[in-house]
N, C-alpha and C. Protein backbone atom coordinates (compact mmCIF):
# COMPACT_ATOMS: atom_id res chain seq x y z
N UNK A 1 22.32 25.40 -77.54
CA UNK A 1 21.29 26.47 -77.44
C UNK A 1 20.13 26.12 -76.40
N UNK A 2 20.22 24.92 -75.99
CA UNK A 2 19.16 24.61 -75.04
C UNK A 2 19.29 25.45 -73.71
N UNK A 3 20.45 25.96 -73.44
CA UNK A 3 20.57 26.77 -72.20
C UNK A 3 19.81 28.00 -72.28
N UNK A 4 19.66 28.60 -73.50
CA UNK A 4 18.99 29.87 -73.64
C UNK A 4 17.52 29.66 -73.89
N UNK A 5 17.08 28.54 -74.10
CA UNK A 5 15.75 28.27 -74.46
C UNK A 5 14.70 28.68 -73.24
N UNK A 6 15.17 28.57 -72.04
CA UNK A 6 14.31 28.81 -70.89
C UNK A 6 14.38 30.20 -70.35
N UNK A 7 14.93 31.17 -71.12
CA UNK A 7 15.18 32.51 -70.60
C UNK A 7 13.85 33.27 -70.70
N UNK A 8 13.45 34.03 -69.72
CA UNK A 8 12.29 34.79 -69.71
C UNK A 8 12.47 36.01 -70.61
N UNK A 9 11.45 36.23 -71.51
CA UNK A 9 11.60 37.35 -72.45
C UNK A 9 10.73 38.53 -72.14
N UNK A 10 9.78 38.31 -71.23
CA UNK A 10 8.92 39.45 -70.75
C UNK A 10 9.63 40.35 -69.66
N UNK A 11 8.88 41.36 -69.32
CA UNK A 11 9.46 42.27 -68.34
C UNK A 11 9.40 41.57 -66.92
N UNK A 12 10.44 41.91 -66.10
CA UNK A 12 10.47 41.38 -64.78
C UNK A 12 9.35 41.86 -63.90
N UNK A 13 8.81 41.07 -62.92
CA UNK A 13 7.76 41.57 -62.11
C UNK A 13 8.24 41.31 -60.63
N UNK A 14 7.75 42.18 -59.70
CA UNK A 14 8.09 42.07 -58.33
C UNK A 14 6.97 41.03 -57.72
N UNK A 15 7.54 40.38 -56.66
CA UNK A 15 6.59 39.49 -55.95
C UNK A 15 5.68 40.23 -54.99
N UNK A 16 4.45 39.82 -55.01
CA UNK A 16 3.47 40.33 -54.00
C UNK A 16 2.77 41.62 -54.43
N UNK A 17 3.10 42.25 -55.53
CA UNK A 17 2.61 43.55 -55.95
C UNK A 17 1.33 43.27 -56.77
N UNK A 18 1.29 42.32 -57.57
CA UNK A 18 0.08 42.02 -58.30
C UNK A 18 0.20 42.74 -59.60
N UNK A 19 -1.05 43.03 -60.15
CA UNK A 19 -1.07 43.71 -61.48
C UNK A 19 -1.33 45.21 -61.27
N UNK A 20 -0.31 45.93 -60.84
CA UNK A 20 -0.31 47.43 -60.79
C UNK A 20 0.35 47.97 -61.93
N UNK A 21 -0.22 48.83 -62.63
CA UNK A 21 0.45 49.41 -63.86
C UNK A 21 1.54 50.35 -63.35
N UNK A 22 2.39 50.70 -64.30
CA UNK A 22 3.61 51.54 -63.97
C UNK A 22 3.18 53.01 -63.54
N UNK A 23 2.17 53.58 -64.29
CA UNK A 23 1.78 54.94 -63.83
C UNK A 23 0.49 55.00 -62.90
N UNK A 24 0.31 56.18 -62.48
CA UNK A 24 -0.89 56.38 -61.57
C UNK A 24 -2.12 56.50 -62.58
N UNK A 25 -3.30 56.02 -62.05
CA UNK A 25 -4.44 56.15 -62.75
C UNK A 25 -5.05 57.54 -62.45
N UNK A 26 -5.49 58.27 -63.49
CA UNK A 26 -6.04 59.61 -63.33
C UNK A 26 -7.56 59.39 -63.08
N UNK A 27 -8.06 60.23 -62.08
CA UNK A 27 -9.47 60.16 -61.87
C UNK A 27 -10.22 61.02 -62.82
N UNK A 28 -11.40 60.60 -63.21
CA UNK A 28 -12.18 61.42 -64.19
C UNK A 28 -12.91 62.50 -63.44
N UNK A 29 -12.85 63.76 -63.89
CA UNK A 29 -13.50 64.82 -63.19
C UNK A 29 -15.03 64.91 -63.58
N UNK A 30 -15.83 65.20 -62.57
CA UNK A 30 -17.24 65.27 -62.82
C UNK A 30 -17.53 66.54 -63.47
N UNK A 31 -18.43 66.51 -64.40
CA UNK A 31 -18.89 67.76 -64.98
C UNK A 31 -19.70 68.47 -63.97
N UNK A 32 -20.45 67.82 -63.10
CA UNK A 32 -21.28 68.47 -62.09
C UNK A 32 -20.60 69.30 -61.15
N UNK A 33 -19.34 68.73 -60.72
CA UNK A 33 -18.58 69.47 -59.74
C UNK A 33 -17.99 70.71 -60.42
N UNK A 34 -17.69 70.65 -61.72
CA UNK A 34 -17.30 71.85 -62.43
C UNK A 34 -18.38 72.94 -62.35
N UNK A 35 -19.66 72.60 -62.73
CA UNK A 35 -20.74 73.43 -62.74
C UNK A 35 -21.02 74.01 -61.34
N UNK A 36 -20.90 73.31 -60.38
CA UNK A 36 -21.15 73.75 -58.96
C UNK A 36 -20.12 74.78 -58.64
N UNK A 37 -18.89 74.53 -58.99
CA UNK A 37 -17.76 75.46 -58.70
C UNK A 37 -18.04 76.78 -59.47
N UNK A 38 -18.35 76.67 -60.67
CA UNK A 38 -18.71 77.87 -61.50
C UNK A 38 -19.77 78.66 -60.88
N UNK A 39 -20.93 78.02 -60.48
CA UNK A 39 -22.08 78.61 -59.80
C UNK A 39 -21.61 79.37 -58.51
N UNK A 40 -20.76 78.72 -57.67
CA UNK A 40 -20.30 79.28 -56.49
C UNK A 40 -19.59 80.60 -56.77
N UNK A 41 -18.58 80.47 -57.81
CA UNK A 41 -17.85 81.67 -58.08
C UNK A 41 -18.78 82.82 -58.69
N UNK A 42 -19.73 82.48 -59.42
CA UNK A 42 -20.57 83.50 -59.95
C UNK A 42 -21.36 84.14 -58.84
N UNK A 43 -21.90 83.45 -57.88
CA UNK A 43 -22.67 83.97 -56.76
C UNK A 43 -21.75 84.79 -55.88
N UNK A 44 -20.57 84.52 -55.74
CA UNK A 44 -19.67 85.27 -54.95
C UNK A 44 -19.36 86.65 -55.64
N UNK A 45 -19.14 86.56 -56.92
CA UNK A 45 -19.01 87.77 -57.77
C UNK A 45 -20.24 88.74 -57.53
N UNK A 46 -21.51 88.17 -57.69
CA UNK A 46 -22.70 88.85 -57.59
C UNK A 46 -22.82 89.50 -56.13
N UNK A 47 -22.52 88.78 -55.07
CA UNK A 47 -22.45 89.35 -53.76
C UNK A 47 -21.58 90.51 -53.57
N UNK A 48 -20.31 90.36 -54.16
CA UNK A 48 -19.37 91.39 -53.95
C UNK A 48 -19.86 92.67 -54.66
N UNK A 49 -20.46 92.49 -55.88
CA UNK A 49 -20.99 93.72 -56.59
C UNK A 49 -22.16 94.37 -55.83
N UNK A 50 -22.99 93.54 -55.17
CA UNK A 50 -24.11 94.11 -54.30
C UNK A 50 -23.53 94.87 -53.15
N UNK A 51 -22.38 94.21 -52.55
CA UNK A 51 -21.93 94.85 -51.36
C UNK A 51 -21.16 96.20 -51.73
N UNK A 52 -20.65 96.30 -52.90
CA UNK A 52 -19.89 97.56 -53.32
C UNK A 52 -21.01 98.55 -53.52
N UNK A 53 -22.11 98.20 -54.17
CA UNK A 53 -23.15 99.14 -54.47
C UNK A 53 -24.00 99.54 -53.32
N UNK A 54 -24.01 98.68 -52.22
CA UNK A 54 -24.77 98.96 -51.05
C UNK A 54 -24.17 99.85 -50.02
N UNK A 55 -22.90 100.37 -50.35
CA UNK A 55 -22.27 101.33 -49.43
C UNK A 55 -22.97 102.61 -49.34
N UNK A 56 -23.32 103.01 -47.93
CA UNK A 56 -24.04 104.18 -47.69
C UNK A 56 -23.18 105.06 -46.82
N UNK A 57 -22.93 106.35 -47.24
CA UNK A 57 -22.10 107.24 -46.49
C UNK A 57 -22.95 107.64 -45.24
N UNK A 58 -22.48 107.31 -44.10
CA UNK A 58 -23.20 107.55 -42.80
C UNK A 58 -22.61 108.78 -42.09
N UNK A 59 -21.73 109.55 -42.69
CA UNK A 59 -21.16 110.73 -42.10
C UNK A 59 -22.16 111.87 -42.04
N UNK A 60 -21.91 112.73 -41.09
CA UNK A 60 -22.74 113.87 -40.96
C UNK A 60 -22.15 114.90 -41.95
N UNK A 61 -23.02 115.98 -42.28
CA UNK A 61 -22.57 117.02 -43.16
C UNK A 61 -21.29 117.77 -42.66
N UNK A 62 -21.21 117.97 -41.30
CA UNK A 62 -20.03 118.49 -40.69
C UNK A 62 -18.72 117.65 -40.96
N UNK A 63 -18.93 116.29 -40.79
CA UNK A 63 -17.82 115.41 -40.99
C UNK A 63 -17.37 115.50 -42.53
N UNK A 64 -18.32 115.51 -43.41
CA UNK A 64 -17.88 115.56 -44.83
C UNK A 64 -17.21 116.88 -45.12
N UNK A 65 -17.69 118.03 -44.49
CA UNK A 65 -17.05 119.21 -44.77
C UNK A 65 -15.61 119.26 -44.20
N UNK A 66 -15.55 118.65 -42.98
CA UNK A 66 -14.20 118.53 -42.35
C UNK A 66 -13.12 117.81 -43.32
N UNK A 67 -13.69 116.58 -43.78
CA UNK A 67 -12.77 115.86 -44.64
C UNK A 67 -12.44 116.53 -45.91
N UNK A 68 -13.34 117.30 -46.48
CA UNK A 68 -13.04 118.15 -47.64
C UNK A 68 -12.12 119.27 -47.43
N UNK A 69 -12.24 119.90 -46.15
CA UNK A 69 -11.14 120.89 -45.89
C UNK A 69 -9.74 120.26 -45.61
N UNK A 70 -9.81 119.03 -45.04
CA UNK A 70 -8.50 118.34 -44.86
C UNK A 70 -7.78 118.07 -46.19
N UNK A 71 -8.58 117.60 -47.15
CA UNK A 71 -8.04 117.33 -48.38
C UNK A 71 -7.48 118.49 -49.09
N UNK A 72 -8.31 119.63 -48.96
CA UNK A 72 -7.91 120.96 -49.60
C UNK A 72 -6.55 121.39 -49.03
N UNK A 73 -6.41 121.35 -47.66
CA UNK A 73 -5.25 121.81 -47.00
C UNK A 73 -4.02 120.86 -47.32
N UNK A 74 -4.21 119.55 -47.48
CA UNK A 74 -3.20 118.65 -47.79
C UNK A 74 -2.73 119.00 -49.26
N UNK A 75 -3.68 119.34 -50.11
CA UNK A 75 -3.23 119.72 -51.57
C UNK A 75 -2.39 120.97 -51.53
N UNK A 76 -2.92 121.92 -50.69
CA UNK A 76 -2.06 123.24 -50.59
C UNK A 76 -0.67 122.97 -50.08
N UNK A 77 -0.46 122.06 -49.05
CA UNK A 77 0.79 121.75 -48.52
C UNK A 77 1.66 121.05 -49.59
N UNK A 78 1.05 120.17 -50.27
CA UNK A 78 1.82 119.42 -51.31
C UNK A 78 2.26 120.48 -52.45
N UNK A 79 1.36 121.26 -52.88
CA UNK A 79 1.76 122.25 -53.90
C UNK A 79 2.84 123.23 -53.42
N UNK A 80 2.69 123.64 -52.15
CA UNK A 80 3.75 124.49 -51.56
C UNK A 80 5.12 123.83 -51.50
N UNK A 81 5.15 122.57 -51.04
CA UNK A 81 6.37 121.87 -51.02
C UNK A 81 7.00 121.50 -52.42
N UNK A 82 6.07 121.33 -53.37
CA UNK A 82 6.53 121.15 -54.71
C UNK A 82 7.04 122.32 -55.46
N UNK A 83 6.63 123.50 -54.99
CA UNK A 83 7.03 124.72 -55.65
C UNK A 83 8.38 125.15 -55.19
N UNK A 84 8.86 124.83 -54.11
CA UNK A 84 10.12 125.27 -53.61
C UNK A 84 11.32 124.32 -54.14
N UNK A 85 12.32 124.84 -54.44
CA UNK A 85 13.52 124.14 -54.86
C UNK A 85 14.23 123.71 -53.54
N UNK A 86 15.27 122.74 -53.67
CA UNK A 86 16.05 122.40 -52.52
C UNK A 86 16.83 123.69 -51.97
N UNK A 87 17.31 124.51 -52.83
CA UNK A 87 18.09 125.66 -52.44
C UNK A 87 17.20 126.60 -51.58
N UNK A 88 15.93 126.80 -51.94
CA UNK A 88 15.02 127.71 -51.15
C UNK A 88 14.72 127.06 -49.90
N UNK A 89 14.65 125.74 -49.84
CA UNK A 89 14.19 124.99 -48.67
C UNK A 89 15.39 125.17 -47.55
N UNK A 90 16.66 125.00 -48.09
CA UNK A 90 17.84 125.19 -47.22
C UNK A 90 17.96 126.62 -46.73
N UNK A 91 17.62 127.65 -47.57
CA UNK A 91 17.74 128.98 -47.12
C UNK A 91 16.66 129.30 -46.07
N UNK A 92 15.42 128.71 -46.22
CA UNK A 92 14.45 128.89 -45.20
C UNK A 92 14.83 128.27 -43.93
N UNK A 93 15.43 127.11 -44.04
CA UNK A 93 15.79 126.42 -42.86
C UNK A 93 16.91 127.21 -42.11
N UNK A 94 17.83 127.66 -42.76
CA UNK A 94 18.92 128.38 -42.18
C UNK A 94 18.36 129.76 -41.62
N UNK A 95 17.46 130.33 -42.26
CA UNK A 95 16.89 131.55 -41.71
C UNK A 95 16.03 131.24 -40.46
N UNK A 96 15.37 130.12 -40.28
CA UNK A 96 14.70 129.70 -39.09
C UNK A 96 15.73 129.39 -38.07
N UNK A 97 16.86 128.70 -38.27
CA UNK A 97 17.77 128.48 -37.29
C UNK A 97 18.41 129.92 -36.73
N UNK A 98 18.65 130.77 -37.59
CA UNK A 98 19.12 132.05 -37.18
C UNK A 98 18.24 132.78 -36.26
N UNK A 99 16.91 132.55 -36.33
CA UNK A 99 15.91 133.27 -35.54
C UNK A 99 15.74 132.59 -34.20
N UNK A 100 16.19 131.25 -34.13
CA UNK A 100 15.98 130.66 -32.86
C UNK A 100 16.93 131.18 -31.74
N UNK A 101 16.56 131.06 -30.46
CA UNK A 101 17.34 131.46 -29.37
C UNK A 101 18.28 130.31 -29.15
N UNK A 102 19.45 130.64 -28.66
CA UNK A 102 20.42 129.61 -28.30
C UNK A 102 20.48 129.39 -26.87
N UNK A 103 19.71 128.52 -26.34
CA UNK A 103 19.52 128.39 -24.82
C UNK A 103 20.78 127.79 -24.19
N UNK A 104 21.73 127.18 -24.97
CA UNK A 104 22.88 126.59 -24.31
C UNK A 104 23.90 127.68 -24.10
N UNK A 105 23.84 128.81 -24.85
CA UNK A 105 24.79 129.85 -24.75
C UNK A 105 24.58 130.69 -23.52
N UNK A 106 25.48 130.94 -22.59
CA UNK A 106 25.31 131.87 -21.47
C UNK A 106 25.96 133.21 -21.82
N UNK A 107 25.17 134.23 -21.80
CA UNK A 107 25.80 135.46 -22.12
C UNK A 107 26.83 135.90 -21.02
N UNK A 108 27.90 136.58 -21.51
CA UNK A 108 29.08 136.79 -20.55
C UNK A 108 28.66 137.68 -19.42
N UNK A 109 27.77 138.64 -19.55
CA UNK A 109 27.37 139.46 -18.43
C UNK A 109 26.67 138.58 -17.42
N UNK A 110 25.86 137.72 -17.83
CA UNK A 110 25.16 136.90 -16.93
C UNK A 110 26.07 135.98 -16.16
N UNK A 111 27.06 135.42 -16.85
CA UNK A 111 28.08 134.58 -16.18
C UNK A 111 28.88 135.31 -15.14
N UNK A 112 29.27 136.53 -15.45
CA UNK A 112 30.07 137.41 -14.54
C UNK A 112 29.35 137.72 -13.25
N UNK A 113 28.03 137.95 -13.43
CA UNK A 113 27.27 138.35 -12.30
C UNK A 113 27.05 137.21 -11.30
N UNK A 114 27.04 136.03 -11.79
CA UNK A 114 26.88 135.04 -10.92
C UNK A 114 28.07 134.19 -10.37
N UNK A 115 29.14 134.45 -11.01
CA UNK A 115 30.41 133.77 -10.55
C UNK A 115 31.16 134.74 -9.62
N UNK A 116 31.09 135.98 -9.81
CA UNK A 116 31.88 136.91 -8.99
C UNK A 116 30.86 137.51 -7.92
N UNK A 117 31.35 137.44 -6.65
CA UNK A 117 30.41 138.15 -5.58
C UNK A 117 30.27 139.60 -5.87
N UNK A 118 29.14 140.12 -5.44
CA UNK A 118 28.85 141.59 -5.80
C UNK A 118 29.78 142.50 -5.13
N UNK A 119 30.41 142.27 -3.90
CA UNK A 119 31.32 143.20 -3.30
C UNK A 119 32.69 143.27 -4.03
N UNK A 120 33.07 142.18 -4.78
CA UNK A 120 34.28 142.20 -5.57
C UNK A 120 34.13 142.67 -6.92
N UNK A 121 32.80 142.90 -7.33
CA UNK A 121 32.64 143.25 -8.72
C UNK A 121 33.25 144.64 -9.04
N UNK A 122 33.19 145.51 -8.13
CA UNK A 122 33.78 146.86 -8.35
C UNK A 122 35.31 146.82 -8.39
N UNK A 123 36.04 145.84 -7.78
CA UNK A 123 37.49 145.89 -7.72
C UNK A 123 38.10 144.95 -8.82
N UNK A 124 37.41 144.58 -9.80
CA UNK A 124 37.94 143.74 -10.81
C UNK A 124 38.96 144.49 -11.54
N UNK A 125 40.04 143.78 -12.11
CA UNK A 125 41.08 144.47 -12.77
C UNK A 125 41.04 144.17 -14.26
């Protein structure tokens, strides 16, 4: 048993590292830094509230009336679009297309006048 008497029974250690523990050491947080942070957040919140309350409408009465009318017209458009069903919208669209002129169609009378010389116009069969 003398062979086993000199066996190291503690944990193995690396050379040159010294006495470093296995885990990282946690730094203690300062109470003062927490208080400073809380004060900074509170002051920012107060400044935001002041800036919200400090808003002054610098528009002229004409500009305010214009914006009011714009909102009113937009609401009318929204209500008008919401009141129509898809079927009614398609019917209106088709009616609008029927009323449009067809610029790409050349009327036959117009085509005949410009393709046939006037002297041969009377002798057509």
